[in-house]
């Protein structure tokens, strides 16, 4: 197994570890630990692709597991946010609905020998998910773990607004992906 694939598998392993630390309040500084784990996992996403492309280490395993690892990490983060009351379950539903839909289209396209590349909206969606989730976790660390922000600071409201922005971007990226897929997939097969 090459380095990019090891980084991808590390991200998969860190997703449930992140969720444990994020949601178990009995762990001292649990939000801080969750943020550190989330940051490390996010950095594996940054480095695995760069290393794979620069060293020509792109594998079929990596092509399949890299997006899967991303989905596992983002799903774990949104499940945690819902569990802790910082995200609506509707946002999580929109995200999962889009992910299952896009994955289905990718499978159909792949079976017909067609590759539908990621578009700008998908990249914006993924970036907003990682950025907004990390930002909310940072606010929680400052408020809950270190009491830097007062209890009156509207972390809850900020989190919900940012998560709904992500949900809208997720829906837009899903619709554009479906429209692109409809142009290249033969639905009669």
C-alpha atoms as a PDB file:
ATOM      1  CA  UNK A   1       0.000   0.000   0.000  1.00  0.00           C
ATOM      2  CA  UNK A   2       1.453   3.362  -1.004  1.00  0.00           C
ATOM      3  CA  UNK A   3       1.573   6.551   1.102  1.00  0.00           C
ATOM      4  CA  UNK A   4      -1.509   8.243  -0.429  1.00  0.00           C
ATOM      5  CA  UNK A   5      -3.591   5.125   0.205  1.00  0.00           C
ATOM      6  CA  UNK A   6      -2.311   4.890   3.784  1.00  0.00           C
ATOM      7  CA  UNK A   7      -3.370   8.522   4.311  1.00  0.00           C
ATOM      8  CA  UNK A   8      -6.807   7.755   2.890  1.00  0.00           C
ATOM      9  CA  UNK A   9      -7.250   4.709   5.150  1.00  0.00           C
ATOM     10  CA  UNK A  10      -6.105   6.850   8.080  1.00  0.00           C
ATOM     11  CA  UNK A  11      -8.937   9.291   7.309  1.00  0.00           C
ATOM     12  CA  UNK A  12     -11.428   6.411   7.304  1.00  0.00           C
ATOM     13  CA  UNK A  13     -10.157   5.206  10.692  1.00  0.00           C
ATOM     14  CA  UNK A  14     -10.191   8.726  12.161  1.00  0.00           C
ATOM     15  CA  UNK A  15     -13.854   9.395  11.227  1.00  0.00           C
ATOM     16  CA  UNK A  16     -15.387   7.282  14.044  1.00  0.00           C
ATOM     17  CA  UNK A  17     -12.602   8.313  16.445  1.00  0.00           C
ATOM     18  CA  UNK A  18     -13.528  11.938  15.760  1.00  0.00           C
ATOM     19  CA  UNK A  19     -17.203  11.187  16.435  1.00  0.00           C
ATOM     20  CA  UNK A  20     -16.397   9.561  19.783  1.00  0.00           C
ATOM     21  CA  UNK A  21     -14.422  12.575  20.981  1.00  0.00           C
ATOM     22  CA  UNK A  22     -16.927  15.093  19.601  1.00  0.00           C
ATOM     23  CA  UNK A  23     -19.978  13.562  21.270  1.00  0.00           C
ATOM     24  CA  UNK A  24     -18.746  12.164  24.595  1.00  0.00           C
ATOM     25  CA  UNK A  25     -18.806  15.086  26.977  1.00  0.00           C
ATOM     26  CA  UNK A  26     -17.207  13.063  29.784  1.00  0.00           C
ATOM     27  CA  UNK A  27     -13.876  13.268  27.948  1.00  0.00           C
ATOM     28  CA  UNK A  28     -11.995  16.351  29.185  1.00  0.00           C
ATOM     29  CA  UNK A  29     -11.627  18.935  26.439  1.00  0.00           C
ATOM     30  CA  UNK A  30     -13.601  16.687  24.097  1.00  0.00           C
ATOM     31  CA  UNK A  31     -14.226  19.463  21.559  1.00  0.00           C
ATOM     32  CA  UNK A  32     -10.523  20.296  21.432  1.00  0.00           C
ATOM     33  CA  UNK A  33      -9.583  16.648  20.853  1.00  0.00           C
ATOM     34  CA  UNK A  34     -12.288  16.344  18.210  1.00  0.00           C
ATOM     35  CA  UNK A  35     -11.008  19.468  16.438  1.00  0.00           C
ATOM     36  CA  UNK A  36      -7.436  18.142  16.430  1.00  0.00           C
ATOM     37  CA  UNK A  37      -8.568  14.776  15.055  1.00  0.00           C
ATOM     38  CA  UNK A  38     -10.750  16.494  12.443  1.00  0.00           C
ATOM     39  CA  UNK A  39      -7.855  18.730  11.393  1.00  0.00           C
ATOM     40  CA  UNK A  40      -5.446  15.789  11.071  1.00  0.00           C
ATOM     41  CA  UNK A  41      -8.042  13.813   9.075  1.00  0.00           C
ATOM     42  CA  UNK A  42      -8.698  16.806   6.810  1.00  0.00           C
ATOM     43  CA  UNK A  43      -4.978  17.222   6.194  1.00  0.00           C
ATOM     44  CA  UNK A  44      -4.752  13.595   5.044  1.00  0.00           C
ATOM     45  CA  UNK A  45      -7.262  14.531   2.350  1.00  0.00           C
ATOM     46  CA  UNK A  46      -5.096  17.452   1.289  1.00  0.00           C
ATOM     47  CA  UNK A  47      -1.875  15.442   1.168  1.00  0.00           C
ATOM     48  CA  UNK A  48      -3.059  12.130  -0.266  1.00  0.00           C
ATOM     49  CA  UNK A  49      -4.131  13.696  -3.555  1.00  0.00           C
ATOM     50  CA  UNK A  50      -1.078  15.893  -3.882  1.00  0.00           C
ATOM     51  CA  UNK A  51       1.316  13.035  -3.229  1.00  0.00           C
ATOM     52  CA  UNK A  52      -0.565  10.655  -5.527  1.00  0.00           C
ATOM     53  CA  UNK A  53      -0.491  13.125  -8.422  1.00  0.00           C
ATOM     54  CA  UNK A  54       3.070  14.346  -7.921  1.00  0.00           C
ATOM     55  CA  UNK A  55       4.563  10.851  -7.507  1.00  0.00           C
ATOM     56  CA  UNK A  56       2.262   9.182 -10.064  1.00  0.00           C
ATOM     57  CA  UNK A  57       0.827   6.904  -7.361  1.00  0.00           C
ATOM     58  CA  UNK A  58      -2.801   7.068  -8.492  1.00  0.00           C
ATOM     59  CA  UNK A  59      -4.453   3.680  -7.959  1.00  0.00           C
ATOM     60  CA  UNK A  60      -7.942   2.269  -8.454  1.00  0.00           C
ATOM     61  CA  UNK A  61      -8.050   1.705  -4.691  1.00  0.00           C
ATOM     62  CA  UNK A  62      -7.311   5.394  -4.134  1.00  0.00           C
ATOM     63  CA  UNK A  63      -9.850   6.540  -6.726  1.00  0.00           C
ATOM     64  CA  UNK A  64     -12.549   4.581  -4.926  1.00  0.00           C
ATOM     65  CA  UNK A  65     -11.582   5.077  -1.283  1.00  0.00           C
ATOM     66  CA  UNK A  66     -10.583   8.760  -1.328  1.00  0.00           C
ATOM     67  CA  UNK A  67     -14.125  10.068  -1.946  1.00  0.00           C
ATOM     68  CA  UNK A  68     -15.469   7.378   0.380  1.00  0.00           C
ATOM     69  CA  UNK A  69     -13.125   8.564   3.143  1.00  0.00           C
ATOM     70  CA  UNK A  70     -14.259  12.159   2.573  1.00  0.00           C
ATOM     71  CA  UNK A  71     -17.890  11.118   2.897  1.00  0.00           C
ATOM     72  CA  UNK A  72     -17.166   9.149   6.069  1.00  0.00           C
ATOM     73  CA  UNK A  73     -15.449  12.114   7.711  1.00  0.00           C
ATOM     74  CA  UNK A  74     -18.060  14.679   6.701  1.00  0.00           C
ATOM     75  CA  UNK A  75     -20.916  12.344   7.630  1.00  0.00           C
ATOM     76  CA  UNK A  76     -19.347  11.709  11.045  1.00  0.00           C
ATOM     77  CA  UNK A  77     -18.982  15.451  11.597  1.00  0.00           C
ATOM     78  CA  UNK A  78     -22.575  16.191  10.637  1.00  0.00           C
ATOM     79  CA  UNK A  79     -23.915  13.320  12.735  1.00  0.00           C
ATOM     80  CA  UNK A  80     -21.976  14.778  15.657  1.00  0.00           C
ATOM     81  CA  UNK A  81     -23.305  18.265  15.008  1.00  0.00           C
ATOM     82  CA  UNK A  82     -26.883  16.942  14.859  1.00  0.00           C
ATOM     83  CA  UNK A  83     -26.393  14.886  18.043  1.00  0.00           C
ATOM     84  CA  UNK A  84     -25.012  17.890  19.917  1.00  0.00           C
ATOM     85  CA  UNK A  85     -27.758  20.230  18.642  1.00  0.00           C
ATOM     86  CA  UNK A  86     -25.627  22.378  16.325  1.00  0.00           C
ATOM     87  CA  UNK A  87     -27.138  21.216  13.041  1.00  0.00           C
ATOM     88  CA  UNK A  88     -30.613  20.371  11.808  1.00  0.00           C
ATOM     89  CA  UNK A  89     -31.211  16.744  10.846  1.00  0.00           C
ATOM     90  CA  UNK A  90     -32.633  18.146   7.577  1.00  0.00           C
ATOM     91  CA  UNK A  91     -29.184  19.434   6.669  1.00  0.00           C
ATOM     92  CA  UNK A  92     -27.758  15.962   7.258  1.00  0.00           C
ATOM     93  CA  UNK A  93     -30.570  14.458   5.174  1.00  0.00           C
ATOM     94  CA  UNK A  94     -29.878  16.835   2.259  1.00  0.00           C
ATOM     95  CA  UNK A  95     -26.178  15.985   2.406  1.00  0.00           C
ATOM     96  CA  UNK A  96     -26.769  12.224   2.525  1.00  0.00           C
ATOM     97  CA  UNK A  97     -29.462  12.397  -0.167  1.00  0.00           C
ATOM     98  CA  UNK A  98     -27.041  14.209  -2.472  1.00  0.00           C
ATOM     99  CA  UNK A  99     -24.186  11.814  -1.710  1.00  0.00           C
ATOM    100  CA  UNK A 100     -26.270   8.695  -2.381  1.00  0.00           C
ATOM    101  CA  UNK A 101     -27.708  10.258  -5.540  1.00  0.00           C
ATOM    102  CA  UNK A 102     -24.348  11.320  -6.946  1.00  0.00           C
ATOM    103  CA  UNK A 103     -22.780   7.967  -6.049  1.00  0.00           C
ATOM    104  CA  UNK A 104     -25.593   6.186  -7.885  1.00  0.00           C
ATOM    105  CA  UNK A 105     -25.083   8.327 -10.971  1.00  0.00           C
ATOM    106  CA  UNK A 106     -21.347   7.670 -10.826  1.00  0.00           C
ATOM    107  CA  UNK A 107     -21.962   3.912 -10.674  1.00  0.00           C
ATOM    108  CA  UNK A 108     -24.304   3.998 -13.662  1.00  0.00           C
ATOM    109  CA  UNK A 109     -21.911   6.195 -15.632  1.00  0.00           C
ATOM    110  CA  UNK A 110     -18.965   3.974 -14.723  1.00  0.00           C
ATOM    111  CA  UNK A 111     -20.823   0.866 -15.869  1.00  0.00           C
ATOM    112  CA  UNK A 112     -21.195   2.578 -19.249  1.00  0.00           C
ATOM    113  CA  UNK A 113     -17.526   3.559 -19.380  1.00  0.00           C
ATOM    114  CA  UNK A 114     -18.269   7.227 -18.680  1.00  0.00           C
ATOM    115  CA  UNK A 115     -16.487   9.326 -16.074  1.00  0.00           C
ATOM    116  CA  UNK A 116     -18.264  12.393 -14.787  1.00  0.00           C
ATOM    117  CA  UNK A 117     -15.597  14.623 -13.257  1.00  0.00           C
ATOM    118  CA  UNK A 118     -16.130  16.647 -10.120  1.00  0.00           C
ATOM    119  CA  UNK A 119     -17.391  20.114 -10.937  1.00  0.00           C
ATOM    120  CA  UNK A 120     -16.829  23.483  -9.318  1.00  0.00           C
ATOM    121  CA  UNK A 121     -19.999  23.186  -7.194  1.00  0.00           C
ATOM    122  CA  UNK A 122     -18.883  19.875  -5.731  1.00  0.00           C
ATOM    123  CA  UNK A 123     -15.540  21.378  -4.789  1.00  0.00           C
ATOM    124  CA  UNK A 124     -17.227  24.443  -3.245  1.00  0.00           C
ATOM    125  CA  UNK A 125     -19.565  22.130  -1.327  1.00  0.00           C
ATOM    126  CA  UNK A 126     -16.714  20.027   0.056  1.00  0.00           C
ATOM    127  CA  UNK A 127     -14.655  23.101   0.955  1.00  0.00           C
ATOM    128  CA  UNK A 128     -17.602  24.735   2.746  1.00  0.00           C
ATOM    129  CA  UNK A 129     -18.332  21.523   4.653  1.00  0.00           C
ATOM    130  CA  UNK A 130     -14.782  21.221   5.922  1.00  0.00           C
ATOM    131  CA  UNK A 131     -14.312  24.946   6.595  1.00  0.00           C
ATOM    132  CA  UNK A 132     -17.650  25.560   8.316  1.00  0.00           C
ATOM    133  CA  UNK A 133     -17.450  22.389  10.395  1.00  0.00           C
ATOM    134  CA  UNK A 134     -13.926  23.245  11.515  1.00  0.00           C
ATOM    135  CA  UNK A 135     -14.974  26.823  12.322  1.00  0.00           C
ATOM    136  CA  UNK A 136     -17.935  25.697  14.430  1.00  0.00           C
ATOM    137  CA  UNK A 137     -15.711  23.242  16.274  1.00  0.00           C
ATOM    138  CA  UNK A 138     -13.216  26.026  16.949  1.00  0.00           C
ATOM    139  CA  UNK A 139     -16.020  28.161  18.392  1.00  0.00           C
ATOM    140  CA  UNK A 140     -17.093  25.230  20.581  1.00  0.00           C
ATOM    141  CA  UNK A 141     -13.525  24.755  21.806  1.00  0.00           C
ATOM    142  CA  UNK A 142     -13.312  28.449  22.687  1.00  0.00           C
ATOM    143  CA  UNK A 143     -16.717  28.504  24.368  1.00  0.00           C
ATOM    144  CA  UNK A 144     -17.098  25.081  25.966  1.00  0.00           C
ATOM    145  CA  UNK A 145     -13.543  23.869  26.613  1.00  0.00           C
ATOM    146  CA  UNK A 146     -11.781  27.152  27.463  1.00  0.00           C
ATOM    147  CA  UNK A 147     -14.616  29.613  28.291  1.00  0.00           C
ATOM    148  CA  UNK A 148     -13.045  32.290  26.073  1.00  0.00           C
ATOM    149  CA  UNK A 149     -16.434  33.023  24.539  1.00  0.00           C
ATOM    150  CA  UNK A 150     -19.325  33.693  26.890  1.00  0.00           C
ATOM    151  CA  UNK A 151     -22.280  31.338  27.026  1.00  0.00           C
ATOM    152  CA  UNK A 152     -24.291  34.150  25.428  1.00  0.00           C
ATOM    153  CA  UNK A 153     -22.131  34.013  22.269  1.00  0.00           C
ATOM    154  CA  UNK A 154     -24.445  32.628  19.548  1.00  0.00           C
ATOM    155  CA  UNK A 155     -22.458  29.513  18.538  1.00  0.00           C
ATOM    156  CA  UNK A 156     -25.708  27.621  18.067  1.00  0.00           C
ATOM    157  CA  UNK A 157     -27.137  30.214  15.675  1.00  0.00           C
ATOM    158  CA  UNK A 158     -23.871  30.653  13.753  1.00  0.00           C
ATOM    159  CA  UNK A 159     -23.583  26.893  13.381  1.00  0.00           C
ATOM    160  CA  UNK A 160     -27.117  26.501  12.047  1.00  0.00           C
ATOM    161  CA  UNK A 161     -26.657  29.331   9.525  1.00  0.00           C
ATOM    162  CA  UNK A 162     -23.363  27.904   8.252  1.00  0.00           C
ATOM    163  CA  UNK A 163     -24.782  24.378   8.035  1.00  0.00           C
ATOM    164  CA  UNK A 164     -27.784  25.589   6.039  1.00  0.00           C
ATOM    165  CA  UNK A 165     -25.457  27.445   3.651  1.00  0.00           C
ATOM    166  CA  UNK A 166     -23.640  24.143   3.168  1.00  0.00           C
ATOM    167  CA  UNK A 167     -26.968  22.369   2.596  1.00  0.00           C
ATOM    168  CA  UNK A 168     -27.864  24.839  -0.167  1.00  0.00           C
ATOM    169  CA  UNK A 169     -24.434  24.409  -1.794  1.00  0.00           C
ATOM    170  CA  UNK A 170     -24.847  20.641  -1.468  1.00  0.00           C
ATOM    171  CA  UNK A 171     -28.240  20.734  -3.183  1.00  0.00           C
ATOM    172  CA  UNK A 172     -26.919  22.949  -6.001  1.00  0.00           C
ATOM    173  CA  UNK A 173     -23.927  20.664  -6.553  1.00  0.00           C
ATOM    174  CA  UNK A 174     -26.234  17.633  -6.598  1.00  0.00           C
ATOM    175  CA  UNK A 175     -28.557  19.180  -9.169  1.00  0.00           C
ATOM    176  CA  UNK A 176     -25.657  20.197 -11.426  1.00  0.00           C
ATOM    177  CA  UNK A 177     -24.211  16.696 -11.157  1.00  0.00           C
ATOM    178  CA  UNK A 178     -27.553  15.120 -12.111  1.00  0.00           C
ATOM    179  CA  UNK A 179     -27.879  17.481 -15.080  1.00  0.00           C
ATOM    180  CA  UNK A 180     -24.325  16.681 -16.241  1.00  0.00           C
ATOM    181  CA  UNK A 181     -24.989  12.965 -15.783  1.00  0.00           C
ATOM    182  CA  UNK A 182     -28.203  13.142 -17.787  1.00  0.00           C
ATOM    183  CA  UNK A 183     -26.228  14.458 -20.757  1.00  0.00           C
ATOM    184  CA  UNK A 184     -23.795  11.513 -20.877  1.00  0.00           C
ATOM    185  CA  UNK A 185     -25.635   8.494 -19.443  1.00  0.00           C
ATOM    186  CA  UNK A 186     -27.766   6.248 -21.640  1.00  0.00           C
ATOM    187  CA  UNK A 187     -30.797   5.552 -19.439  1.00  0.00           C
ATOM    188  CA  UNK A 188     -32.202   2.987 -21.883  1.00  0.00           C
ATOM    189  CA  UNK A 189     -29.521   0.453 -20.875  1.00  0.00           C
END
